[in-house]
Protein backbone atom coordinates (compact mmCIF):
# COMPACT_ATOMS: atom_id res chain seq x y z
CA MET A 1 -1.49 -63.00 28.91
CA SER A 2 0.87 -61.34 31.36
CA ALA A 3 1.55 -57.61 31.60
CA THR A 4 5.16 -58.14 30.51
CA THR A 5 4.14 -59.88 27.33
CA THR A 6 1.66 -57.14 26.48
CA THR A 7 4.26 -54.45 27.13
CA THR A 8 6.82 -56.09 24.86
CA GLU A 9 4.21 -56.73 22.17
CA ASN A 10 3.25 -53.03 22.14
CA GLU A 11 6.82 -51.72 21.99
CA PRO A 12 7.14 -51.87 18.17
CA ILE A 13 3.91 -49.90 17.80
CA ARG A 14 5.04 -47.33 20.35
CA SER A 15 8.44 -46.93 18.67
CA VAL A 16 6.79 -46.34 15.27
CA LEU A 17 4.46 -43.75 16.79
CA LYS A 18 7.33 -42.02 18.54
CA ARG A 19 9.37 -41.86 15.33
CA CYS A 20 6.37 -40.43 13.46
CA ILE A 21 5.86 -37.73 16.07
CA VAL A 22 9.53 -36.76 16.23
CA SER A 23 9.99 -36.63 12.46
CA SER A 24 6.75 -34.71 11.92
CA ARG A 25 7.82 -32.11 14.48
CA ARG A 26 11.24 -31.78 12.86
CA ASN A 27 9.74 -31.43 9.39
CA GLY A 28 7.11 -28.92 10.46
CA LEU A 29 4.21 -31.26 9.71
CA TRP A 30 3.00 -31.68 13.29
CA PHE A 31 0.80 -28.58 13.30
CA LYS A 32 -0.69 -29.40 9.91
CA LEU A 33 -2.54 -32.21 11.65
CA THR A 34 -5.82 -31.45 13.38
CA LYS A 35 -5.88 -31.11 17.14
CA GLU A 36 -7.69 -34.44 17.40
CA GLN A 37 -5.06 -36.22 15.29
CA ARG A 38 -2.20 -34.78 17.36
CA SER A 39 -4.01 -35.70 20.57
CA LEU A 40 -4.59 -39.25 19.40
CA LEU A 41 -0.90 -39.77 18.69
CA SER A 42 0.22 -38.10 21.91
CA LEU A 43 -2.22 -39.94 24.13
CA SER A 44 -1.46 -43.30 22.59
CA LEU A 45 2.16 -42.81 23.60
CA SER A 46 1.65 -41.32 27.04
CA LEU A 47 -1.07 -43.69 28.26
CA LYS A 48 -0.22 -47.29 29.01
CA ILE A 49 -2.81 -48.85 26.74
CA LYS A 50 -3.00 -52.10 24.83
CA PHE A 51 -3.22 -51.75 21.08
CA GLU A 52 -5.88 -54.43 20.71
CA SER A 53 -8.78 -52.33 19.46
CA PHE A 54 -9.12 -52.35 15.69
CA ALA A 55 -10.83 -48.97 15.83
CA LEU A 56 -7.85 -47.46 17.67
CA LEU A 57 -5.35 -49.05 15.29
CA ARG A 58 -7.37 -47.90 12.29
CA ALA A 59 -7.42 -44.33 13.62
CA LEU A 60 -3.66 -44.39 14.28
CA VAL A 61 -2.94 -45.74 10.81
CA SER A 62 -5.08 -43.03 9.21
CA VAL A 63 -3.12 -40.32 11.07
CA ILE A 64 0.20 -41.89 10.06
CA LYS A 65 -1.00 -42.04 6.44
CA ARG A 66 -1.92 -38.35 6.66
CA LEU A 67 1.61 -37.56 7.86
CA ALA A 68 3.03 -39.58 4.98
CA GLU A 69 0.88 -37.68 2.49
CA LEU A 70 2.00 -34.35 3.93
CA GLY A 71 5.64 -35.43 3.84
CA GLN A 72 5.31 -36.71 0.30
CA GLY A 73 4.27 -33.25 -0.89
CA ILE A 74 7.38 -31.68 0.59
CA TYR A 75 9.54 -34.39 -0.94
CA ASN A 76 8.00 -33.81 -4.36
CA ALA A 77 8.53 -30.05 -4.02
CA ILE A 78 12.21 -30.53 -3.18
CA MET A 79 12.73 -32.92 -6.11
CA LYS A 80 11.01 -30.54 -8.55
CA GLY A 81 12.96 -27.59 -7.12
CA MET A 82 16.21 -29.50 -7.59
CA ARG A 83 15.45 -30.22 -11.23
CA LEU A 84 14.54 -26.57 -11.83
CA ALA A 85 17.64 -25.30 -10.01
CA TRP A 86 19.88 -27.51 -12.16
CA ALA A 87 18.16 -26.35 -15.36
CA PHE A 88 18.30 -22.66 -14.39
CA SER A 89 21.91 -22.97 -13.26
CA THR A 90 22.99 -24.68 -16.46
CA ALA A 91 21.24 -22.07 -18.61
CA ALA A 92 22.63 -19.12 -16.63
CA THR A 93 26.15 -20.57 -16.70
CA SER A 94 25.95 -21.00 -20.46
CA TRP A 95 24.94 -17.33 -20.73
CA GLY A 96 28.06 -16.28 -18.85
CA ASN A 97 26.87 -16.07 -15.21
CA ASN A 98 29.58 -18.17 -13.56
CA SER A 99 28.28 -17.62 -10.02
CA SER A 100 25.06 -19.41 -10.95
CA ALA A 101 26.83 -22.77 -10.60
CA ARG A 102 26.20 -22.47 -6.84
CA TRP A 103 22.42 -22.50 -7.42
CA LYS A 104 22.53 -26.29 -7.83
CA SER A 105 23.46 -26.77 -4.19
CA ASP A 106 21.62 -23.83 -2.60
CA ARG A 107 18.98 -25.51 -0.39
CA ASN A 108 16.91 -22.38 0.12
CA TYR A 109 16.78 -21.69 -3.61
CA ILE A 110 15.80 -25.30 -4.33
CA LEU A 111 13.05 -25.21 -1.73
CA TYR A 112 11.83 -21.83 -3.00
CA LEU A 113 11.58 -23.10 -6.57
CA GLY A 114 9.89 -26.32 -5.51
CA LEU A 115 7.27 -24.68 -3.30
CA HIS A 116 6.48 -21.96 -5.84
CA TYR A 117 6.20 -24.45 -8.66
CA LEU A 118 3.44 -26.30 -6.79
């Protein structure tokens, strides 16, 4: 197996890892990982290694699953917050508070409701 073949075979894995790192940093999930988990992801990108070891792949998959679990919680909080914001806005509008119609699209209010509901 030549070095070029190995490099091209590892590119999809590297691109997935890079996307996971970038999105976790943007979403604020990066520092919710342990130092070892962050190091594993960072080193697997920076070092020119072959992803042939099942133990390495298993460890990487477990860290990616952890990121997915963390992200899923935020997603659920936003969805719950959106439902609550719509319900509160509808009720307040029916009681005569016309400015409450903006609550449906207020991202900070939705996030606040979702995080405090959990």
